mmCIF file of all heavy atoms, coordinates in Angstrom:
data_MODEL
# 
_entry.id   MODEL 
# 
loop_
_atom_site.group_PDB 
_atom_site.id 
_atom_site.type_symbol 
_atom_site.label_atom_id 
_atom_site.label_alt_id 
_atom_site.label_comp_id 
_atom_site.label_asym_id 
_atom_site.label_entity_id 
_atom_site.label_seq_id 
_atom_site.pdbx_PDB_ins_code 
_atom_site.Cartn_x 
_atom_site.Cartn_y 
_atom_site.Cartn_z 
_atom_site.occupancy 
_atom_site.B_iso_or_equiv 
_atom_site.pdbx_formal_charge 
_atom_site.auth_seq_id 
_atom_site.auth_comp_id 
_atom_site.auth_asym_id 
_atom_site.auth_atom_id 
_atom_site.pdbx_PDB_model_num 
ATOM 1   N N   . ALA A 1 1  ? -0.391  4.729   4.792   1.00 0.00 ? 1  ALA A N   1 
ATOM 2   C CA  . ALA A 1 1  ? -0.203  6.054   4.197   1.00 0.00 ? 1  ALA A CA  1 
ATOM 3   C C   . ALA A 1 1  ? 1.210   6.252   3.671   1.00 0.00 ? 1  ALA A C   1 
ATOM 4   O O   . ALA A 1 1  ? 1.481   7.247   2.994   1.00 0.00 ? 1  ALA A O   1 
ATOM 5   C CB  . ALA A 1 1  ? -0.535  7.141   5.222   1.00 0.00 ? 1  ALA A CB  1 
ATOM 6   N N   . ASP A 1 2  ? 2.114   5.329   3.993   1.00 0.00 ? 2  ASP A N   1 
ATOM 7   C CA  . ASP A 1 2  ? 3.492   5.433   3.519   1.00 0.00 ? 2  ASP A CA  1 
ATOM 8   C C   . ASP A 1 2  ? 3.661   4.559   2.276   1.00 0.00 ? 2  ASP A C   1 
ATOM 9   O O   . ASP A 1 2  ? 3.711   3.331   2.377   1.00 0.00 ? 2  ASP A O   1 
ATOM 10  C CB  . ASP A 1 2  ? 4.452   4.968   4.618   1.00 0.00 ? 2  ASP A CB  1 
ATOM 11  C CG  . ASP A 1 2  ? 5.909   5.212   4.268   1.00 0.00 ? 2  ASP A CG  1 
ATOM 12  O OD1 . ASP A 1 2  ? 6.271   5.081   3.085   1.00 0.00 ? 2  ASP A OD1 1 
ATOM 13  O OD2 . ASP A 1 2  ? 6.695   5.531   5.169   1.00 0.00 ? 2  ASP A OD2 1 
ATOM 14  N N   . PRO A 1 3  ? 3.754   5.164   1.090   1.00 0.00 ? 3  PRO A N   1 
ATOM 15  C CA  . PRO A 1 3  ? 3.859   4.357   -0.143  1.00 0.00 ? 3  PRO A CA  1 
ATOM 16  C C   . PRO A 1 3  ? 5.051   3.415   -0.131  1.00 0.00 ? 3  PRO A C   1 
ATOM 17  O O   . PRO A 1 3  ? 4.974   2.306   -0.677  1.00 0.00 ? 3  PRO A O   1 
ATOM 18  C CB  . PRO A 1 3  ? 4.010   5.425   -1.236  1.00 0.00 ? 3  PRO A CB  1 
ATOM 19  C CG  . PRO A 1 3  ? 3.432   6.668   -0.661  1.00 0.00 ? 3  PRO A CG  1 
ATOM 20  C CD  . PRO A 1 3  ? 3.744   6.611   0.804   1.00 0.00 ? 3  PRO A CD  1 
ATOM 21  N N   . LYS A 1 4  ? 6.155   3.811   0.508   1.00 0.00 ? 4  LYS A N   1 
ATOM 22  C CA  . LYS A 1 4  ? 7.346   2.960   0.515   1.00 0.00 ? 4  LYS A CA  1 
ATOM 23  C C   . LYS A 1 4  ? 7.094   1.670   1.285   1.00 0.00 ? 4  LYS A C   1 
ATOM 24  O O   . LYS A 1 4  ? 7.669   0.623   0.955   1.00 0.00 ? 4  LYS A O   1 
ATOM 25  C CB  . LYS A 1 4  ? 8.519   3.715   1.131   1.00 0.00 ? 4  LYS A CB  1 
ATOM 26  C CG  . LYS A 1 4  ? 9.033   4.867   0.274   1.00 0.00 ? 4  LYS A CG  1 
ATOM 27  C CD  . LYS A 1 4  ? 10.229  5.541   0.937   1.00 0.00 ? 4  LYS A CD  1 
ATOM 28  C CE  . LYS A 1 4  ? 10.740  6.701   0.101   1.00 0.00 ? 4  LYS A CE  1 
ATOM 29  N NZ  . LYS A 1 4  ? 11.897  7.373   0.752   1.00 0.00 ? 4  LYS A NZ  1 
ATOM 30  N N   . PHE A 1 5  ? 6.261   1.737   2.306   1.00 0.00 ? 5  PHE A N   1 
ATOM 31  C CA  . PHE A 1 5  ? 5.977   0.538   3.096   1.00 0.00 ? 5  PHE A CA  1 
ATOM 32  C C   . PHE A 1 5  ? 5.229   -0.487  2.245   1.00 0.00 ? 5  PHE A C   1 
ATOM 33  O O   . PHE A 1 5  ? 5.631   -1.654  2.163   1.00 0.00 ? 5  PHE A O   1 
ATOM 34  C CB  . PHE A 1 5  ? 5.158   0.909   4.335   1.00 0.00 ? 5  PHE A CB  1 
ATOM 35  C CG  . PHE A 1 5  ? 4.782   -0.262  5.193   1.00 0.00 ? 5  PHE A CG  1 
ATOM 36  C CD1 . PHE A 1 5  ? 5.743   -0.974  5.877   1.00 0.00 ? 5  PHE A CD1 1 
ATOM 37  C CD2 . PHE A 1 5  ? 3.455   -0.651  5.318   1.00 0.00 ? 5  PHE A CD2 1 
ATOM 38  C CE1 . PHE A 1 5  ? 5.399   -2.068  6.680   1.00 0.00 ? 5  PHE A CE1 1 
ATOM 39  C CE2 . PHE A 1 5  ? 3.095   -1.725  6.108   1.00 0.00 ? 5  PHE A CE2 1 
ATOM 40  C CZ  . PHE A 1 5  ? 4.072   -2.441  6.789   1.00 0.00 ? 5  PHE A CZ  1 
ATOM 41  N N   . LEU A 1 6  ? 4.151   -0.056  1.591   1.00 0.00 ? 6  LEU A N   1 
ATOM 42  C CA  . LEU A 1 6  ? 3.383   -0.986  0.770   1.00 0.00 ? 6  LEU A CA  1 
ATOM 43  C C   . LEU A 1 6  ? 4.204   -1.510  -0.396  1.00 0.00 ? 6  LEU A C   1 
ATOM 44  O O   . LEU A 1 6  ? 4.182   -2.706  -0.705  1.00 0.00 ? 6  LEU A O   1 
ATOM 45  C CB  . LEU A 1 6  ? 2.121   -0.297  0.242   1.00 0.00 ? 6  LEU A CB  1 
ATOM 46  C CG  . LEU A 1 6  ? 1.090   0.136   1.289   1.00 0.00 ? 6  LEU A CG  1 
ATOM 47  C CD1 . LEU A 1 6  ? -0.139  0.726   0.597   1.00 0.00 ? 6  LEU A CD1 1 
ATOM 48  C CD2 . LEU A 1 6  ? 0.689   -1.024  2.176   1.00 0.00 ? 6  LEU A CD2 1 
ATOM 49  N N   . ARG A 1 7  ? 4.950   -0.632  -1.060  1.00 0.00 ? 7  ARG A N   1 
ATOM 50  C CA  . ARG A 1 7  ? 5.724   -1.066  -2.210  1.00 0.00 ? 7  ARG A CA  1 
ATOM 51  C C   . ARG A 1 7  ? 6.910   -1.929  -1.798  1.00 0.00 ? 7  ARG A C   1 
ATOM 52  O O   . ARG A 1 7  ? 7.325   -2.819  -2.543  1.00 0.00 ? 7  ARG A O   1 
ATOM 53  C CB  . ARG A 1 7  ? 6.167   0.160   -3.008  1.00 0.00 ? 7  ARG A CB  1 
ATOM 54  C CG  . ARG A 1 7  ? 5.009   0.745   -3.819  1.00 0.00 ? 7  ARG A CG  1 
ATOM 55  C CD  . ARG A 1 7  ? 5.171   2.229   -4.089  1.00 0.00 ? 7  ARG A CD  1 
ATOM 56  N NE  . ARG A 1 7  ? 4.049   2.753   -4.860  1.00 0.00 ? 7  ARG A NE  1 
ATOM 57  C CZ  . ARG A 1 7  ? 2.853   3.059   -4.347  1.00 0.00 ? 7  ARG A CZ  1 
ATOM 58  N NH1 . ARG A 1 7  ? 2.620   2.872   -3.057  1.00 0.00 ? 7  ARG A NH1 1 
ATOM 59  N NH2 . ARG A 1 7  ? 1.889   3.539   -5.124  1.00 0.00 ? 7  ARG A NH2 1 
ATOM 60  N N   . GLY A 1 8  ? 7.450   -1.683  -0.581  1.00 0.00 ? 8  GLY A N   1 
ATOM 61  C CA  . GLY A 1 8  ? 8.507   -2.547  -0.077  1.00 0.00 ? 8  GLY A CA  1 
ATOM 62  C C   . GLY A 1 8  ? 8.008   -3.959  0.168   1.00 0.00 ? 8  GLY A C   1 
ATOM 63  O O   . GLY A 1 8  ? 8.674   -4.942  -0.194  1.00 0.00 ? 8  GLY A O   1 
ATOM 64  N N   . LEU A 1 9  ? 6.833   -4.077  0.771   1.00 0.00 ? 9  LEU A N   1 
ATOM 65  C CA  . LEU A 1 9  ? 6.236   -5.402  0.982   1.00 0.00 ? 9  LEU A CA  1 
ATOM 66  C C   . LEU A 1 9  ? 5.961   -6.088  -0.352  1.00 0.00 ? 9  LEU A C   1 
ATOM 67  O O   . LEU A 1 9  ? 6.243   -7.277  -0.527  1.00 0.00 ? 9  LEU A O   1 
ATOM 68  C CB  . LEU A 1 9  ? 4.934   -5.268  1.781   1.00 0.00 ? 9  LEU A CB  1 
ATOM 69  C CG  . LEU A 1 9  ? 5.053   -4.845  3.246   1.00 0.00 ? 9  LEU A CG  1 
ATOM 70  C CD1 . LEU A 1 9  ? 3.669   -4.600  3.838   1.00 0.00 ? 9  LEU A CD1 1 
ATOM 71  C CD2 . LEU A 1 9  ? 5.795   -5.893  4.061   1.00 0.00 ? 9  LEU A CD2 1 
ATOM 72  N N   . ASP A 1 10 ? 5.406   -5.333  -1.293  1.00 0.00 ? 10 ASP A N   1 
ATOM 73  C CA  . ASP A 1 10 ? 5.072   -5.895  -2.605  1.00 0.00 ? 10 ASP A CA  1 
ATOM 74  C C   . ASP A 1 10 ? 6.334   -6.374  -3.316  1.00 0.00 ? 10 ASP A C   1 
ATOM 75  O O   . ASP A 1 10 ? 6.350   -7.467  -3.900  1.00 0.00 ? 10 ASP A O   1 
ATOM 76  C CB  . ASP A 1 10 ? 4.346   -4.841  -3.437  1.00 0.00 ? 10 ASP A CB  1 
ATOM 77  C CG  . ASP A 1 10 ? 3.691   -5.424  -4.686  1.00 0.00 ? 10 ASP A CG  1 
ATOM 78  O OD1 . ASP A 1 10 ? 2.848   -6.337  -4.535  1.00 0.00 ? 10 ASP A OD1 1 
ATOM 79  O OD2 . ASP A 1 10 ? 4.024   -4.976  -5.796  1.00 0.00 ? 10 ASP A OD2 1 
ATOM 80  N N   . ALA A 1 11 ? 7.398   -5.570  -3.263  1.00 0.00 ? 11 ALA A N   1 
ATOM 81  C CA  . ALA A 1 11 ? 8.653   -5.955  -3.914  1.00 0.00 ? 11 ALA A CA  1 
ATOM 82  C C   . ALA A 1 11 ? 9.260   -7.194  -3.271  1.00 0.00 ? 11 ALA A C   1 
ATOM 83  O O   . ALA A 1 11 ? 9.936   -7.986  -3.952  1.00 0.00 ? 11 ALA A O   1 
ATOM 84  C CB  . ALA A 1 11 ? 9.640   -4.789  -3.859  1.00 0.00 ? 11 ALA A CB  1 
ATOM 85  N N   . ASP A 1 12 ? 9.026   -7.386  -1.972  1.00 0.00 ? 12 ASP A N   1 
ATOM 86  C CA  . ASP A 1 12 ? 9.541   -8.562  -1.264  1.00 0.00 ? 12 ASP A CA  1 
ATOM 87  C C   . ASP A 1 12 ? 8.714   -9.810  -1.522  1.00 0.00 ? 12 ASP A C   1 
ATOM 88  O O   . ASP A 1 12 ? 9.056   -10.890 -1.033  1.00 0.00 ? 12 ASP A O   1 
ATOM 89  C CB  . ASP A 1 12 ? 9.575   -8.302  0.245   1.00 0.00 ? 12 ASP A CB  1 
ATOM 90  C CG  . ASP A 1 12 ? 10.660  -7.315  0.648   1.00 0.00 ? 12 ASP A CG  1 
ATOM 91  O OD1 . ASP A 1 12 ? 11.500  -6.971  -0.206  1.00 0.00 ? 12 ASP A OD1 1 
ATOM 92  O OD2 . ASP A 1 12 ? 10.662  -6.884  1.826   1.00 0.00 ? 12 ASP A OD2 1 
ATOM 93  N N   . GLY A 1 13 ? 7.603   -9.661  -2.233  1.00 0.00 ? 13 GLY A N   1 
ATOM 94  C CA  . GLY A 1 13 ? 6.725   -10.808 -2.466  1.00 0.00 ? 13 GLY A CA  1 
ATOM 95  C C   . GLY A 1 13 ? 5.793   -11.099 -1.317  1.00 0.00 ? 13 GLY A C   1 
ATOM 96  O O   . GLY A 1 13 ? 5.191   -12.186 -1.263  1.00 0.00 ? 13 GLY A O   1 
ATOM 97  N N   . GLU A 1 14 ? 5.651   -10.147 -0.397  1.00 0.00 ? 14 GLU A N   1 
ATOM 98  C CA  . GLU A 1 14 ? 4.737   -10.337 0.726   1.00 0.00 ? 14 GLU A CA  1 
ATOM 99  C C   . GLU A 1 14 ? 3.316   -9.954  0.320   1.00 0.00 ? 14 GLU A C   1 
ATOM 100 O O   . GLU A 1 14 ? 3.100   -8.943  -0.352  1.00 0.00 ? 14 GLU A O   1 
ATOM 101 C CB  . GLU A 1 14 ? 5.151   -9.466  1.915   1.00 0.00 ? 14 GLU A CB  1 
ATOM 102 C CG  . GLU A 1 14 ? 6.516   -9.767  2.492   1.00 0.00 ? 14 GLU A CG  1 
ATOM 103 C CD  . GLU A 1 14 ? 6.572   -11.084 3.243   1.00 0.00 ? 14 GLU A CD  1 
ATOM 104 O OE1 . GLU A 1 14 ? 5.517   -11.746 3.378   1.00 0.00 ? 14 GLU A OE1 1 
ATOM 105 O OE2 . GLU A 1 14 ? 7.675   -11.455 3.686   1.00 0.00 ? 14 GLU A OE2 1 
ATOM 106 N N   . VAL A 1 15 ? 2.354   -10.750 0.744   1.00 0.00 ? 15 VAL A N   1 
ATOM 107 C CA  . VAL A 1 15 ? 0.948   -10.366 0.621   1.00 0.00 ? 15 VAL A CA  1 
ATOM 108 C C   . VAL A 1 15 ? 0.625   -9.436  1.778   1.00 0.00 ? 15 VAL A C   1 
ATOM 109 O O   . VAL A 1 15 ? 0.979   -9.724  2.925   1.00 0.00 ? 15 VAL A O   1 
ATOM 110 C CB  . VAL A 1 15 ? 0.028   -11.601 0.652   1.00 0.00 ? 15 VAL A CB  1 
ATOM 111 C CG1 . VAL A 1 15 ? -1.449  -11.185 0.679   1.00 0.00 ? 15 VAL A CG1 1 
ATOM 112 C CG2 . VAL A 1 15 ? 0.290   -12.496 -0.546  1.00 0.00 ? 15 VAL A CG2 1 
ATOM 113 N N   . PHE A 1 16 ? -0.021  -8.320  1.503   1.00 0.00 ? 16 PHE A N   1 
ATOM 114 C CA  . PHE A 1 16 ? -0.396  -7.403  2.567   1.00 0.00 ? 16 PHE A CA  1 
ATOM 115 C C   . PHE A 1 16 ? -1.879  -7.084  2.507   1.00 0.00 ? 16 PHE A C   1 
ATOM 116 O O   . PHE A 1 16 ? -2.510  -7.135  1.445   1.00 0.00 ? 16 PHE A O   1 
ATOM 117 C CB  . PHE A 1 16 ? 0.436   -6.109  2.520   1.00 0.00 ? 16 PHE A CB  1 
ATOM 118 C CG  . PHE A 1 16 ? 0.233   -5.270  1.281   1.00 0.00 ? 16 PHE A CG  1 
ATOM 119 C CD1 . PHE A 1 16 ? -0.894  -4.482  1.126   1.00 0.00 ? 16 PHE A CD1 1 
ATOM 120 C CD2 . PHE A 1 16 ? 1.193   -5.251  0.290   1.00 0.00 ? 16 PHE A CD2 1 
ATOM 121 C CE1 . PHE A 1 16 ? -1.081  -3.699  -0.013  1.00 0.00 ? 16 PHE A CE1 1 
ATOM 122 C CE2 . PHE A 1 16 ? 1.022   -4.476  -0.852  1.00 0.00 ? 16 PHE A CE2 1 
ATOM 123 C CZ  . PHE A 1 16 ? -0.118  -3.702  -1.004  1.00 0.00 ? 16 PHE A CZ  1 
ATOM 124 N N   . VAL A 1 17 ? -2.428  -6.783  3.658   1.00 0.00 ? 17 VAL A N   1 
ATOM 125 C CA  . VAL A 1 17 ? -3.790  -6.290  3.805   1.00 0.00 ? 17 VAL A CA  1 
ATOM 126 C C   . VAL A 1 17 ? -3.684  -5.130  4.792   1.00 0.00 ? 17 VAL A C   1 
ATOM 127 O O   . VAL A 1 17 ? -3.679  -5.332  6.000   1.00 0.00 ? 17 VAL A O   1 
ATOM 128 C CB  . VAL A 1 17 ? -4.751  -7.383  4.323   1.00 0.00 ? 17 VAL A CB  1 
ATOM 129 C CG1 . VAL A 1 17 ? -6.175  -6.861  4.389   1.00 0.00 ? 17 VAL A CG1 1 
ATOM 130 C CG2 . VAL A 1 17 ? -4.681  -8.621  3.438   1.00 0.00 ? 17 VAL A CG2 1 
ATOM 131 N N   . VAL A 1 18 ? -3.579  -3.929  4.267   1.00 0.00 ? 18 VAL A N   1 
ATOM 132 C CA  . VAL A 1 18 ? -3.199  -2.771  5.063   1.00 0.00 ? 18 VAL A CA  1 
ATOM 133 C C   . VAL A 1 18 ? -4.221  -1.656  4.887   1.00 0.00 ? 18 VAL A C   1 
ATOM 134 O O   . VAL A 1 18 ? -4.585  -1.300  3.759   1.00 0.00 ? 18 VAL A O   1 
ATOM 135 C CB  . VAL A 1 18 ? -1.790  -2.272  4.667   1.00 0.00 ? 18 VAL A CB  1 
ATOM 136 C CG1 . VAL A 1 18 ? -1.437  -0.988  5.417   1.00 0.00 ? 18 VAL A CG1 1 
ATOM 137 C CG2 . VAL A 1 18 ? -0.746  -3.356  4.947   1.00 0.00 ? 18 VAL A CG2 1 
ATOM 138 N N   . ASP A 1 19 ? -4.681  -1.090  6.001   1.00 0.00 ? 19 ASP A N   1 
ATOM 139 C CA  . ASP A 1 19 ? -5.633  0.023   5.953   1.00 0.00 ? 19 ASP A CA  1 
ATOM 140 C C   . ASP A 1 19 ? -4.973  1.265   5.369   1.00 0.00 ? 19 ASP A C   1 
ATOM 141 O O   . ASP A 1 19 ? -3.757  1.473   5.514   1.00 0.00 ? 19 ASP A O   1 
ATOM 142 C CB  . ASP A 1 19 ? -6.150  0.342   7.355   1.00 0.00 ? 19 ASP A CB  1 
ATOM 143 C CG  . ASP A 1 19 ? -7.046  -0.742  7.924   1.00 0.00 ? 19 ASP A CG  1 
ATOM 144 O OD1 . ASP A 1 19 ? -7.379  -1.675  7.180   1.00 0.00 ? 19 ASP A OD1 1 
ATOM 145 O OD2 . ASP A 1 19 ? -7.394  -0.660  9.116   1.00 0.00 ? 19 ASP A OD2 1 
ATOM 146 N N   . VAL A 1 20 ? -5.784  2.095   4.716   1.00 0.00 ? 20 VAL A N   1 
ATOM 147 C CA  . VAL A 1 20 ? -5.323  3.377   4.191   1.00 0.00 ? 20 VAL A CA  1 
ATOM 148 C C   . VAL A 1 20 ? -6.288  4.454   4.661   1.00 0.00 ? 20 VAL A C   1 
ATOM 149 O O   . VAL A 1 20 ? -7.376  4.175   5.156   1.00 0.00 ? 20 VAL A O   1 
ATOM 150 C CB  . VAL A 1 20 ? -5.225  3.364   2.652   1.00 0.00 ? 20 VAL A CB  1 
ATOM 151 C CG1 . VAL A 1 20 ? -4.134  2.421   2.184   1.00 0.00 ? 20 VAL A CG1 1 
ATOM 152 C CG2 . VAL A 1 20 ? -6.560  2.999   2.015   1.00 0.00 ? 20 VAL A CG2 1 
ATOM 153 N N   . LYS A 1 21 ? -5.895  5.707   4.483   1.00 0.00 ? 21 LYS A N   1 
ATOM 154 C CA  . LYS A 1 21 ? -6.730  6.827   4.911   1.00 0.00 ? 21 LYS A CA  1 
ATOM 155 C C   . LYS A 1 21 ? -7.819  7.117   3.890   1.00 0.00 ? 21 LYS A C   1 
ATOM 156 O O   . LYS A 1 21 ? -7.732  6.711   2.722   1.00 0.00 ? 21 LYS A O   1 
ATOM 157 C CB  . LYS A 1 21 ? -5.864  8.053   5.141   1.00 0.00 ? 21 LYS A CB  1 
ATOM 158 C CG  . LYS A 1 21 ? -4.832  7.868   6.248   1.00 0.00 ? 21 LYS A CG  1 
ATOM 159 C CD  . LYS A 1 21 ? -4.039  9.135   6.454   1.00 0.00 ? 21 LYS A CD  1 
ATOM 160 C CE  . LYS A 1 21 ? -2.948  8.916   7.524   1.00 0.00 ? 21 LYS A CE  1 
ATOM 161 N NZ  . LYS A 1 21 ? -3.504  8.611   8.843   1.00 0.00 ? 21 LYS A NZ  1 
ATOM 162 N N   . ALA A 1 22 ? -8.833  7.843   4.323   1.00 0.00 ? 22 ALA A N   1 
ATOM 163 C CA  . ALA A 1 22 ? -9.931  8.217   3.424   1.00 0.00 ? 22 ALA A CA  1 
ATOM 164 C C   . ALA A 1 22 ? -9.439  9.063   2.262   1.00 0.00 ? 22 ALA A C   1 
ATOM 165 O O   . ALA A 1 22 ? -10.072 9.110   1.197   1.00 0.00 ? 22 ALA A O   1 
ATOM 166 C CB  . ALA A 1 22 ? -11.008 8.970   4.204   1.00 0.00 ? 22 ALA A CB  1 
ATOM 167 N N   . SER A 1 23 ? -8.305  9.727   2.429   1.00 0.00 ? 23 SER A N   1 
ATOM 168 C CA  . SER A 1 23 ? -7.750  10.588  1.389   1.00 0.00 ? 23 SER A CA  1 
ATOM 169 C C   . SER A 1 23 ? -6.924  9.828   0.355   1.00 0.00 ? 23 SER A C   1 
ATOM 170 O O   . SER A 1 23 ? -6.426  10.430  -0.599  1.00 0.00 ? 23 SER A O   1 
ATOM 171 C CB  . SER A 1 23 ? -6.884  11.679  2.027   1.00 0.00 ? 23 SER A CB  1 
ATOM 172 O OG  . SER A 1 23 ? -5.843  11.084  2.797   1.00 0.00 ? 23 SER A OG  1 
ATOM 173 N N   . GLN A 1 24 ? -6.764  8.513   0.529   1.00 0.00 ? 24 GLN A N   1 
ATOM 174 C CA  . GLN A 1 24 ? -6.006  7.714   -0.424  1.00 0.00 ? 24 GLN A CA  1 
ATOM 175 C C   . GLN A 1 24 ? -6.587  7.881   -1.828  1.00 0.00 ? 24 GLN A C   1 
ATOM 176 O O   . GLN A 1 24 ? -7.789  7.754   -2.039  1.00 0.00 ? 24 GLN A O   1 
ATOM 177 C CB  . GLN A 1 24 ? -6.049  6.233   -0.038  1.00 0.00 ? 24 GLN A CB  1 
ATOM 178 C CG  . GLN A 1 24 ? -5.479  5.280   -1.070  1.00 0.00 ? 24 GLN A CG  1 
ATOM 179 C CD  . GLN A 1 24 ? -3.972  5.381   -1.176  1.00 0.00 ? 24 GLN A CD  1 
ATOM 180 O OE1 . GLN A 1 24 ? -3.274  5.423   -0.169  1.00 0.00 ? 24 GLN A OE1 1 
ATOM 181 N NE2 . GLN A 1 24 ? -3.458  5.409   -2.397  1.00 0.00 ? 24 GLN A NE2 1 
ATOM 182 N N   . ARG A 1 25 ? -5.710  8.161   -2.792  1.00 0.00 ? 25 ARG A N   1 
ATOM 183 C CA  . ARG A 1 25 ? -6.168  8.353   -4.175  1.00 0.00 ? 25 ARG A CA  1 
ATOM 184 C C   . ARG A 1 25 ? -6.005  7.069   -4.964  1.00 0.00 ? 25 ARG A C   1 
ATOM 185 O O   . ARG A 1 25 ? -4.993  6.377   -4.862  1.00 0.00 ? 25 ARG A O   1 
ATOM 186 C CB  . ARG A 1 25 ? -5.414  9.508   -4.836  1.00 0.00 ? 25 ARG A CB  1 
ATOM 187 C CG  . ARG A 1 25 ? -5.749  10.851  -4.185  1.00 0.00 ? 25 ARG A CG  1 
ATOM 188 C CD  . ARG A 1 25 ? -5.214  12.028  -4.967  1.00 0.00 ? 25 ARG A CD  1 
ATOM 189 N NE  . ARG A 1 25 ? -5.698  13.281  -4.388  1.00 0.00 ? 25 ARG A NE  1 
ATOM 190 C CZ  . ARG A 1 25 ? -6.839  13.873  -4.711  1.00 0.00 ? 25 ARG A CZ  1 
ATOM 191 N NH1 . ARG A 1 25 ? -7.627  13.327  -5.639  1.00 0.00 ? 25 ARG A NH1 1 
ATOM 192 N NH2 . ARG A 1 25 ? -7.221  14.995  -4.134  1.00 0.00 ? 25 ARG A NH2 1 
ATOM 193 N N   . ILE A 1 26 ? -7.028  6.780   -5.762  1.00 0.00 ? 26 ILE A N   1 
ATOM 194 C CA  . ILE A 1 26 ? -7.049  5.567   -6.568  1.00 0.00 ? 26 ILE A CA  1 
ATOM 195 C C   . ILE A 1 26 ? -7.449  5.909   -7.993  1.00 0.00 ? 26 ILE A C   1 
ATOM 196 O O   . ILE A 1 26 ? -8.098  6.919   -8.264  1.00 0.00 ? 26 ILE A O   1 
ATOM 197 C CB  . ILE A 1 26 ? -8.045  4.529   -5.996  1.00 0.00 ? 26 ILE A CB  1 
ATOM 198 C CG1 . ILE A 1 26 ? -9.453  5.150   -5.911  1.00 0.00 ? 26 ILE A CG1 1 
ATOM 199 C CG2 . ILE A 1 26 ? -7.570  3.996   -4.651  1.00 0.00 ? 26 ILE A CG2 1 
ATOM 200 C CD1 . ILE A 1 26 ? -10.544 4.157   -5.557  1.00 0.00 ? 26 ILE A CD1 1 
ATOM 201 N N   . TYR A 1 27 ? -7.055  5.045   -8.919  1.00 0.00 ? 27 TYR A N   1 
ATOM 202 C CA  . TYR A 1 27 ? -7.492  5.124   -10.308 1.00 0.00 ? 27 TYR A CA  1 
ATOM 203 C C   . TYR A 1 27 ? -8.474  3.981   -10.562 1.00 0.00 ? 27 TYR A C   1 
ATOM 204 O O   . TYR A 1 27 ? -8.230  2.841   -10.153 1.00 0.00 ? 27 TYR A O   1 
ATOM 205 C CB  . TYR A 1 27 ? -6.314  4.997   -11.264 1.00 0.00 ? 27 TYR A CB  1 
ATOM 206 C CG  . TYR A 1 27 ? -5.344  6.157   -11.237 1.00 0.00 ? 27 TYR A CG  1 
ATOM 207 C CD1 . TYR A 1 27 ? -4.298  6.193   -10.307 1.00 0.00 ? 27 TYR A CD1 1 
ATOM 208 C CD2 . TYR A 1 27 ? -5.459  7.196   -12.151 1.00 0.00 ? 27 TYR A CD2 1 
ATOM 209 C CE1 . TYR A 1 27 ? -3.398  7.258   -10.287 1.00 0.00 ? 27 TYR A CE1 1 
ATOM 210 C CE2 . TYR A 1 27 ? -4.561  8.260   -12.141 1.00 0.00 ? 27 TYR A CE2 1 
ATOM 211 C CZ  . TYR A 1 27 ? -3.541  8.275   -11.204 1.00 0.00 ? 27 TYR A CZ  1 
ATOM 212 O OH  . TYR A 1 27 ? -2.655  9.326   -11.194 1.00 0.00 ? 27 TYR A OH  1 
ATOM 213 N N   . LEU A 1 28 ? -9.552  4.296   -11.237 1.00 0.00 ? 28 LEU A N   1 
ATOM 214 C CA  . LEU A 1 28 ? -10.530 3.257   -11.576 1.00 0.00 ? 28 LEU A CA  1 
ATOM 215 C C   . LEU A 1 28 ? -10.174 2.563   -12.880 1.00 0.00 ? 28 LEU A C   1 
ATOM 216 O O   . LEU A 1 28 ? -10.752 1.530   -13.214 1.00 0.00 ? 28 LEU A O   1 
ATOM 217 C CB  . LEU A 1 28 ? -11.931 3.871   -11.654 1.00 0.00 ? 28 LEU A CB  1 
ATOM 218 C CG  . LEU A 1 28 ? -12.398 4.587   -10.370 1.00 0.00 ? 28 LEU A CG  1 
ATOM 219 C CD1 . LEU A 1 28 ? -13.807 5.136   -10.560 1.00 0.00 ? 28 LEU A CD1 1 
ATOM 220 C CD2 . LEU A 1 28 ? -12.333 3.649   -9.169  1.00 0.00 ? 28 LEU A CD2 1 
# 
């Protein structure tokens, strides 16, 4: 649920598989 956490991992080149909440918003 913390965007900085996911984007920090992504910026570091880490592959992540992280759960999100049902309220997570996505674009199709």
